[in-house]
Amino acid sequence: MPAAFIASAAVTYSSDPTSGATLLTALVPTATQEGDTLLFAVPSISSKNGDLDVTHLPPGWVIVARFVSPGSAIINIARRTATDLEPPAHTMQLKSAVTAGGALLVYRGLDVGAAAPLGGGIVDVSSSANFDCPSLVLTSYSDLYLGFAFVASTSVQVTSPAGTVERFQAAQFPLDIPLRFEIFELLREATGATGTQTAVAAFSVIGLAASVLLKSTPPHVAPSITPDIPGALGFVTVGV
C-alpha cells in the first residue's frame, strides 16, 4: 500500500544563545499518531554551514539522507517514528547561523525498517524558472517520490509538476532573508524511472531542486486456511 500523507508544518527560526547557530522549530501536527513517520527536510544553498548539527539532534531522530550539489547546495532529511508521548514540537540545529529552509512532514505507512531512502539527488538552479528535480527509479509500485524546490525569493510562487500533489509551500525568512520552500509528492503506482519532475517558478530565480525516494510498508499477506482433516473438501466442521 502507498504511504498516506497526514500533515505538514512550517518552521520558526531562532538563534542558539550559546553558539549563535540557527535553530529550526516545527510543531507536531495534531493528526499525528503513534507509529507515524516524521520527516524533517532542511535545504540550504550553503553546504558549508547549512548542514544539520548531528551532535544536537533531538532524541529519536536520525539523518537518513544528505545530498550536496556541485555548487554546494545541500538538503538534509531527518526521520523519527512518532510515539504515544510525542513532544509538541521538535527543534533542529544547524552548524552555524545560516539561511536554510525547513518543513516537517508526517506520513503513515512508510517503512521505518528501511535504513536509508531508495535513492535521491540534488541539482543547482542558477537563474531559472525551472526547478528540475532528478529522476529516480521506483522498484515497487508503492514507492514514494518527494520533490523539493528551494527558491531564493518569497514573492515567486512555485507550481508543482503535472501529476504530482503539493504537500508544502511557504515563504520563509531565516536571518530576514526571503526564501520559499515547496515540497511535492509523486505516486506513480508503477515501477521504473519517474523522469525529471520540473517544478516551475513564476520567474527566473536561483535555488536548488532535489528529490528522494522512500519505501512504503509492504502489504500484509492474508492468512491462508488449511483444513484440519486430511483430504477434506469444502468447509471444515468443528465441534459437531
C-alpha atoms as a PDB file:
ATOM      1  CA  MET A   1       0.000   0.000   0.000  1.00  0.00           C
ATOM      2  CA  PRO A   2       1.306   3.507  -0.747  1.00  0.00           C
ATOM      3  CA  ALA A   3       2.110   5.604   2.291  1.00  0.00           C
ATOM      4  CA  ALA A   4      -0.564   8.099   3.325  1.00  0.00           C
ATOM      5  CA  PHE A   5       0.255  11.776   3.779  1.00  0.00           C
ATOM      6  CA  ILE A   6      -1.097  13.083   7.103  1.00  0.00           C
ATOM      7  CA  ALA A   7       0.036  16.705   7.516  1.00  0.00           C
ATOM      8  CA  SER A   8       2.882  19.198   7.188  1.00  0.00           C
ATOM      9  CA  ALA A   9       4.205  22.060   9.295  1.00  0.00           C
ATOM     10  CA  ALA A  10       6.479  25.035   8.649  1.00  0.00           C
ATOM     11  CA  VAL A  11       9.378  26.028  10.884  1.00  0.00           C
ATOM     12  CA  THR A  12      10.035  29.062  13.026  1.00  0.00           C
ATOM     13  CA  TYR A  13      13.541  30.452  13.388  1.00  0.00           C
ATOM     14  CA  SER A  14      15.574  31.382  16.430  1.00  0.00           C
ATOM     15  CA  SER A  15      19.218  31.566  17.465  1.00  0.00           C
ATOM     16  CA  ASP A  16      21.068  29.345  19.904  1.00  0.00           C
ATOM     17  CA  PRO A  17      22.124  31.668  22.768  1.00  0.00           C
ATOM     18  CA  THR A  18      25.474  29.910  23.206  1.00  0.00           C
ATOM     19  CA  SER A  19      26.729  29.238  19.679  1.00  0.00           C
ATOM     20  CA  GLY A  20      24.616  31.636  17.626  1.00  0.00           C
ATOM     21  CA  ALA A  21      23.640  28.750  15.369  1.00  0.00           C
ATOM     22  CA  THR A  22      20.265  28.833  13.627  1.00  0.00           C
ATOM     23  CA  LEU A  23      17.505  26.777  15.262  1.00  0.00           C
ATOM     24  CA  LEU A  24      14.509  25.481  13.305  1.00  0.00           C
ATOM     25  CA  THR A  25      11.401  24.519  15.304  1.00  0.00           C
ATOM     26  CA  ALA A  26       8.315  22.773  13.908  1.00  0.00           C
ATOM     27  CA  LEU A  27       5.112  21.989  15.783  1.00  0.00           C
ATOM     28  CA  VAL A  28       3.944  18.376  15.542  1.00  0.00           C
ATOM     29  CA  PRO A  29       0.583  18.274  13.672  1.00  0.00           C
ATOM     30  CA  THR A  30      -2.322  17.226  15.882  1.00  0.00           C
ATOM     31  CA  ALA A  31      -3.288  14.430  13.464  1.00  0.00           C
ATOM     32  CA  THR A  32      -0.022  12.601  14.184  1.00  0.00           C
ATOM     33  CA  GLN A  33      -0.452   9.119  15.675  1.00  0.00           C
ATOM     34  CA  GLU A  34       1.889   6.642  17.307  1.00  0.00           C
ATOM     35  CA  GLY A  35       3.893   4.831  14.620  1.00  0.00           C
ATOM     36  CA  ASP A  36       3.669   7.630  12.044  1.00  0.00           C
ATOM     37  CA  THR A  37       6.884   8.737  10.337  1.00  0.00           C
ATOM     38  CA  LEU A  38       8.069  12.314  10.860  1.00  0.00           C
ATOM     39  CA  LEU A  39      10.328  13.720   8.125  1.00  0.00           C
ATOM     40  CA  PHE A  40      12.234  16.957   8.756  1.00  0.00           C
ATOM     41  CA  ALA A  41      13.582  18.409   5.481  1.00  0.00           C
ATOM     42  CA  VAL A  42      16.172  21.196   5.664  1.00  0.00           C
ATOM     43  CA  PRO A  43      17.529  22.719   2.411  1.00  0.00           C
ATOM     44  CA  SER A  44      20.223  25.395   2.146  1.00  0.00           C
ATOM     45  CA  ILE A  45      22.209  26.981  -0.654  1.00  0.00           C
ATOM     46  CA  SER A  46      25.335  26.746   1.553  1.00  0.00           C
ATOM     47  CA  SER A  47      26.640  23.265   2.384  1.00  0.00           C
ATOM     48  CA  LYS A  48      29.500  24.808   4.367  1.00  0.00           C
ATOM     49  CA  ASN A  49      27.179  25.842   7.178  1.00  0.00           C
ATOM     50  CA  GLY A  50      23.791  24.505   6.085  1.00  0.00           C
ATOM     51  CA  ASP A  51      24.279  21.016   7.494  1.00  0.00           C
ATOM     52  CA  LEU A  52      22.165  19.859  10.401  1.00  0.00           C
ATOM     53  CA  ASP A  53      24.314  19.510  13.507  1.00  0.00           C
ATOM     54  CA  VAL A  54      24.172  15.772  14.235  1.00  0.00           C
ATOM     55  CA  THR A  55      25.517  16.354  17.751  1.00  0.00           C
ATOM     56  CA  HIS A  56      22.343  18.298  18.603  1.00  0.00           C
ATOM     57  CA  LEU A  57      19.662  16.084  17.035  1.00  0.00           C
ATOM     58  CA  PRO A  58      16.585  15.743  19.254  1.00  0.00           C
ATOM     59  CA  PRO A  59      16.003  12.267  20.745  1.00  0.00           C
ATOM     60  CA  GLY A  60      14.737   9.658  18.301  1.00  0.00           C
ATOM     61  CA  TRP A  61      15.885  11.493  15.158  1.00  0.00           C
ATOM     62  CA  VAL A  62      18.373  10.152  12.594  1.00  0.00           C
ATOM     63  CA  ILE A  63      19.676  11.669   9.361  1.00  0.00           C
ATOM     64  CA  VAL A  64      18.502   9.363   6.558  1.00  0.00           C
ATOM     65  CA  ALA A  65      19.531  11.478   3.562  1.00  0.00           C
ATOM     66  CA  ARG A  66      22.079  14.203   2.832  1.00  0.00           C
ATOM     67  CA  PHE A  67      22.581  15.402  -0.731  1.00  0.00           C
ATOM     68  CA  VAL A  68      25.110  18.053  -1.809  1.00  0.00           C
ATOM     69  CA  SER A  69      25.136  19.635  -5.285  1.00  0.00           C
ATOM     70  CA  PRO A  70      28.222  20.568  -7.360  1.00  0.00           C
ATOM     71  CA  GLY A  71      27.529  24.192  -6.446  1.00  0.00           C
ATOM     72  CA  SER A  72      27.438  23.347  -2.722  1.00  0.00           C
ATOM     73  CA  ALA A  73      23.680  23.491  -2.215  1.00  0.00           C
ATOM     74  CA  ILE A  74      22.502  20.923   0.324  1.00  0.00           C
ATOM     75  CA  ILE A  75      19.432  19.194   1.690  1.00  0.00           C
ATOM     76  CA  ASN A  76      19.249  17.137   4.873  1.00  0.00           C
ATOM     77  CA  ILE A  77      16.340  14.816   5.663  1.00  0.00           C
ATOM     78  CA  ALA A  78      15.912  13.512   9.195  1.00  0.00           C
ATOM     79  CA  ARG A  79      13.414  10.853  10.307  1.00  0.00           C
ATOM     80  CA  ARG A  80      11.679   9.889  13.535  1.00  0.00           C
ATOM     81  CA  THR A  81       8.937   7.425  14.441  1.00  0.00           C
ATOM     82  CA  ALA A  82       6.183   9.086  16.470  1.00  0.00           C
ATOM     83  CA  THR A  83       5.485   7.699  19.941  1.00  0.00           C
ATOM     84  CA  ASP A  84       2.395   7.708  22.140  1.00  0.00           C
ATOM     85  CA  LEU A  85       4.071  10.501  24.137  1.00  0.00           C
ATOM     86  CA  GLU A  86       5.148  12.621  21.167  1.00  0.00           C
ATOM     87  CA  PRO A  87       6.545  16.060  22.124  1.00  0.00           C
ATOM     88  CA  PRO A  88       4.513  19.052  20.914  1.00  0.00           C
ATOM     89  CA  ALA A  89       7.452  20.336  18.827  1.00  0.00           C
ATOM     90  CA  HIS A  90      10.905  19.410  17.565  1.00  0.00           C
ATOM     91  CA  THR A  91      13.909  21.722  17.122  1.00  0.00           C
ATOM     92  CA  MET A  92      16.810  21.132  14.736  1.00  0.00           C
ATOM     93  CA  GLN A  93      20.115  22.987  14.999  1.00  0.00           C
ATOM     94  CA  LEU A  94      22.349  23.981  12.086  1.00  0.00           C
ATOM     95  CA  LYS A  95      26.111  24.174  12.329  1.00  0.00           C
ATOM     96  CA  SER A  96      26.067  27.979  12.336  1.00  0.00           C
ATOM     97  CA  ALA A  97      23.871  30.977  11.633  1.00  0.00           C
ATOM     98  CA  VAL A  98      22.836  30.371   8.040  1.00  0.00           C
ATOM     99  CA  THR A  99      19.902  30.790   5.689  1.00  0.00           C
ATOM    100  CA  ALA A 100      18.045  27.499   5.428  1.00  0.00           C
ATOM    101  CA  GLY A 101      14.506  26.364   4.840  1.00  0.00           C
ATOM    102  CA  GLY A 102      12.625  23.776   6.814  1.00  0.00           C
ATOM    103  CA  ALA A 103       9.458  21.704   6.892  1.00  0.00           C
ATOM    104  CA  LEU A 104       8.062  18.797   8.872  1.00  0.00           C
ATOM    105  CA  LEU A 105       6.060  16.121   7.034  1.00  0.00           C
ATOM    106  CA  VAL A 106       4.021  13.333   8.629  1.00  0.00           C
ATOM    107  CA  TYR A 107       3.348  10.079   6.773  1.00  0.00           C
ATOM    108  CA  ARG A 108       1.566   6.881   7.740  1.00  0.00           C
ATOM    109  CA  GLY A 109       2.739   3.621   6.212  1.00  0.00           C
ATOM    110  CA  LEU A 110       6.378   4.398   5.419  1.00  0.00           C
ATOM    111  CA  ASP A 111       8.801   1.551   6.047  1.00  0.00           C
ATOM    112  CA  VAL A 112      10.612   2.560   9.248  1.00  0.00           C
ATOM    113  CA  GLY A 113      12.798  -0.514   8.893  1.00  0.00           C
ATOM    114  CA  ALA A 114      14.461   0.923   5.789  1.00  0.00           C
ATOM    115  CA  ALA A 115      17.769   2.367   6.956  1.00  0.00           C
ATOM    116  CA  ALA A 116      18.011   4.818   4.057  1.00  0.00           C
ATOM    117  CA  PRO A 117      15.996   6.078   1.100  1.00  0.00           C
ATOM    118  CA  LEU A 118      15.913   4.066  -2.114  1.00  0.00           C
ATOM    119  CA  GLY A 119      17.542   6.954  -3.954  1.00  0.00           C
ATOM    120  CA  GLY A 120      17.845  10.694  -4.244  1.00  0.00           C
ATOM    121  CA  GLY A 121      19.630  13.595  -5.853  1.00  0.00           C
ATOM    122  CA  ILE A 122      20.096  17.360  -5.973  1.00  0.00           C
ATOM    123  CA  VAL A 123      20.873  19.958  -8.662  1.00  0.00           C
ATOM    124  CA  ASP A 124      21.719  23.651  -8.608  1.00  0.00           C
ATOM    125  CA  VAL A 125      19.277  26.129 -10.123  1.00  0.00           C
ATOM    126  CA  SER A 126      21.072  29.171 -11.499  1.00  0.00           C
ATOM    127  CA  SER A 127      18.654  31.918 -12.512  1.00  0.00           C
ATOM    128  CA  SER A 128      15.939  29.727 -13.990  1.00  0.00           C
ATOM    129  CA  ALA A 129      12.190  29.298 -13.637  1.00  0.00           C
ATOM    130  CA  ASN A 130      12.551  25.516 -13.971  1.00  0.00           C
ATOM    131  CA  PHE A 131      13.422  23.503 -10.869  1.00  0.00           C
ATOM    132  CA  ASP A 132      14.316  20.075 -12.306  1.00  0.00           C
ATOM    133  CA  CYS A 133      14.043  17.515  -9.516  1.00  0.00           C
ATOM    134  CA  PRO A 134      16.139  14.473 -10.535  1.00  0.00           C
ATOM    135  CA  SER A 135      14.575  11.316 -11.960  1.00  0.00           C
ATOM    136  CA  LEU A 136      14.602   8.285  -9.641  1.00  0.00           C
ATOM    137  CA  VAL A 137      13.885   4.610 -10.292  1.00  0.00           C
ATOM    138  CA  LEU A 138      10.915   3.081  -8.455  1.00  0.00           C
ATOM    139  CA  THR A 139      11.421  -0.583  -7.559  1.00  0.00           C
ATOM    140  CA  SER A 140       7.871  -1.031  -6.253  1.00  0.00           C
ATOM    141  CA  TYR A 141       4.530   0.497  -7.267  1.00  0.00           C
ATOM    142  CA  SER A 142       4.139   1.905  -3.739  1.00  0.00           C
ATOM    143  CA  ASP A 143       7.480   3.784  -3.628  1.00  0.00           C
ATOM    144  CA  LEU A 144       7.052   7.443  -2.640  1.00  0.00           C
ATOM    145  CA  TYR A 145       8.858  10.180  -4.612  1.00  0.00           C
ATOM    146  CA  LEU A 146       9.242  13.532  -2.874  1.00  0.00           C
ATOM    147  CA  GLY A 147      10.446  16.579  -4.806  1.00  0.00           C
ATOM    148  CA  PHE A 148      11.880  19.739  -3.232  1.00  0.00           C
ATOM    149  CA  ALA A 149      12.200  23.237  -4.709  1.00  0.00           C
ATOM    150  CA  PHE A 150      14.076  25.798  -2.618  1.00  0.00           C
ATOM    151  CA  VAL A 151      13.848  29.306  -4.040  1.00  0.00           C
ATOM    152  CA  ALA A 152      15.802  32.451  -3.131  1.00  0.00           C
ATOM    153  CA  SER A 153      12.665  34.615  -3.060  1.00  0.00           C
ATOM    154  CA  THR A 154       9.335  34.782  -1.237  1.00  0.00           C
ATOM    155  CA  SER A 155       7.393  36.657  -3.893  1.00  0.00           C
ATOM    156  CA  VAL A 156       7.677  33.927  -6.540  1.00  0.00           C
ATOM    157  CA  GLN A 157       5.017  31.213  -6.351  1.00  0.00           C
ATOM    158  CA  VAL A 158       6.117  27.706  -7.325  1.00  0.00           C
ATOM    159  CA  THR A 159       3.859  25.337  -9.265  1.00  0.00           C
ATOM    160  CA  SER A 160       4.351  21.611  -8.710  1.00  0.00           C
ATOM    161  CA  PRO A 161       4.740  19.320 -11.756  1.00  0.00           C
ATOM    162  CA  ALA A 162       1.707  17.883 -13.532  1.00  0.00           C
ATOM    163  CA  GLY A 163       0.598  14.592 -11.989  1.00  0.00           C
ATOM    164  CA  THR A 164       2.015  15.429  -8.569  1.00  0.00           C
ATOM    165  CA  VAL A 165       0.428  16.693  -5.356  1.00  0.00           C
ATOM    166  CA  GLU A 166       1.820  19.650  -3.444  1.00  0.00           C
ATOM    167  CA  ARG A 167       2.331  18.833   0.230  1.00  0.00           C
ATOM    168  CA  PHE A 168       4.014  22.008   1.459  1.00  0.00           C
ATOM    169  CA  GLN A 169       4.764  25.548   0.264  1.00  0.00           C
ATOM    170  CA  ALA A 170       5.617  28.537   2.400  1.00  0.00           C
ATOM    171  CA  ALA A 171       7.587  31.775   2.423  1.00  0.00           C
ATOM    172  CA  GLN A 172      10.380  31.643   4.999  1.00  0.00           C
ATOM    173  CA  PHE A 173      12.618  34.339   6.467  1.00  0.00           C
ATOM    174  CA  PRO A 174      15.764  32.948   8.118  1.00  0.00           C
ATOM    175  CA  LEU A 175      18.055  35.841   9.127  1.00  0.00           C
ATOM    176  CA  ASP A 176      15.489  38.130   7.438  1.00  0.00           C
ATOM    177  CA  ILE A 177      16.456  36.755   4.010  1.00  0.00           C
ATOM    178  CA  PRO A 178      13.393  35.909   1.853  1.00  0.00           C
ATOM    179  CA  LEU A 179      13.113  32.296   0.725  1.00  0.00           C
ATOM    180  CA  ARG A 180      10.388  29.919  -0.421  1.00  0.00           C
ATOM    181  CA  PHE A 181      10.252  26.152   0.107  1.00  0.00           C
ATOM    182  CA  GLU A 182       7.980  23.798  -1.829  1.00  0.00           C
ATOM    183  CA  ILE A 183       7.545  20.027  -1.471  1.00  0.00           C
ATOM    184  CA  PHE A 184       5.505  17.800  -3.763  1.00  0.00           C
ATOM    185  CA  GLU A 185       4.694  14.105  -3.905  1.00  0.00           C
ATOM    186  CA  LEU A 186       4.561  11.724  -6.854  1.00  0.00           C
ATOM    187  CA  LEU A 187       2.813   8.371  -6.544  1.00  0.00           C
ATOM    188  CA  ARG A 188       3.148   6.691  -9.955  1.00  0.00           C
ATOM    189  CA  GLU A 189       1.947   3.310  -8.638  1.00  0.00           C
ATOM    190  CA  ALA A 190       4.210   1.722 -11.238  1.00  0.00           C
ATOM    191  CA  THR A 191       7.857   0.692 -11.318  1.00  0.00           C
ATOM    192  CA  GLY A 192      10.632   2.257 -13.369  1.00  0.00           C
ATOM    193  CA  ALA A 193      12.122   5.714 -13.826  1.00  0.00           C
ATOM    194  CA  THR A 194       9.981   8.673 -12.792  1.00  0.00           C
ATOM    195  CA  GLY A 195      11.610  11.029 -15.250  1.00  0.00           C
ATOM    196  CA  THR A 196      12.669  14.524 -14.235  1.00  0.00           C
ATOM    197  CA  GLN A 197       9.930  16.279 -12.284  1.00  0.00           C
ATOM    198  CA  THR A 198      10.022  20.009 -13.000  1.00  0.00           C
ATOM    199  CA  ALA A 199       8.519  22.483 -10.573  1.00  0.00           C
ATOM    200  CA  VAL A 200       8.052  25.894 -12.202  1.00  0.00           C
ATOM    201  CA  ALA A 201       8.616  29.267 -10.560  1.00  0.00           C
ATOM    202  CA  ALA A 202       6.764  32.365 -11.716  1.00  0.00           C
ATOM    203  CA  PHE A 203      10.053  33.912 -12.889  1.00  0.00           C
ATOM    204  CA  SER A 204      13.759  33.081 -13.024  1.00  0.00           C
ATOM    205  CA  VAL A 205      15.460  32.790  -9.650  1.00  0.00           C
ATOM    206  CA  ILE A 206      18.325  30.883  -8.047  1.00  0.00           C
ATOM    207  CA  GLY A 207      17.940  27.932  -5.682  1.00  0.00           C
ATOM    208  CA  LEU A 208      18.072  24.147  -5.626  1.00  0.00           C
ATOM    209  CA  ALA A 209      15.957  21.211  -6.776  1.00  0.00           C
ATOM    210  CA  ALA A 210      16.136  17.817  -5.094  1.00  0.00           C
ATOM    211  CA  SER A 211      14.309  14.507  -4.847  1.00  0.00           C
ATOM    212  CA  VAL A 212      14.214  11.474  -2.576  1.00  0.00           C
ATOM    213  CA  LEU A 213      12.607   8.051  -2.950  1.00  0.00           C
ATOM    214  CA  LEU A 214      11.116   6.404   0.137  1.00  0.00           C
ATOM    215  CA  LYS A 215       9.859   2.875   0.687  1.00  0.00           C
ATOM    216  CA  SER A 216       6.329   2.162   1.897  1.00  0.00           C
ATOM    217  CA  THR A 217       5.427  -0.669   4.245  1.00  0.00           C
ATOM    218  CA  PRO A 218       4.914  -3.941   2.333  1.00  0.00           C
ATOM    219  CA  PRO A 219       1.247  -5.001   2.069  1.00  0.00           C
ATOM    220  CA  HIS A 220       0.024  -7.531   4.607  1.00  0.00           C
ATOM    221  CA  VAL A 221      -0.471 -11.024   3.237  1.00  0.00           C
ATOM    222  CA  ALA A 222      -3.862 -12.546   4.041  1.00  0.00           C
ATOM    223  CA  PRO A 223      -3.586 -15.722   6.121  1.00  0.00           C
ATOM    224  CA  SER A 224      -4.377 -18.975   4.361  1.00  0.00           C
ATOM    225  CA  ILE A 225      -6.897 -21.504   5.705  1.00  0.00           C
ATOM    226  CA  THR A 226      -5.701 -25.087   5.995  1.00  0.00           C
ATOM    227  CA  PRO A 227      -8.282 -27.851   6.616  1.00  0.00           C
ATOM    228  CA  ASP A 228      -7.572 -29.876   9.758  1.00  0.00           C
ATOM    229  CA  ILE A 229      -8.898 -33.073   8.189  1.00  0.00           C
ATOM    230  CA  PRO A 230      -6.608 -34.516   5.509  1.00  0.00           C
ATOM    231  CA  GLY A 231      -8.393 -34.821   2.181  1.00  0.00           C
ATOM    232  CA  ALA A 232     -11.458 -32.841   3.335  1.00  0.00           C
ATOM    233  CA  LEU A 233     -13.449 -30.948   0.737  1.00  0.00           C
ATOM    234  CA  GLY A 234     -15.329 -27.690   1.327  1.00  0.00           C
ATOM    235  CA  PHE A 235     -15.574 -26.073   4.765  1.00  0.00           C
ATOM    236  CA  VAL A 236     -14.336 -27.915   7.809  1.00  0.00           C
ATOM    237  CA  THR A 237     -16.911 -28.502  10.533  1.00  0.00           C
ATOM    238  CA  VAL A 238     -15.518 -28.311  14.024  1.00  0.00           C
ATOM    239  CA  GLY A 239     -17.219 -29.458  17.206  1.00  0.00           C
ATOM    240  CA  VAL A 240     -20.165 -31.303  15.598  1.00  0.00           C
END
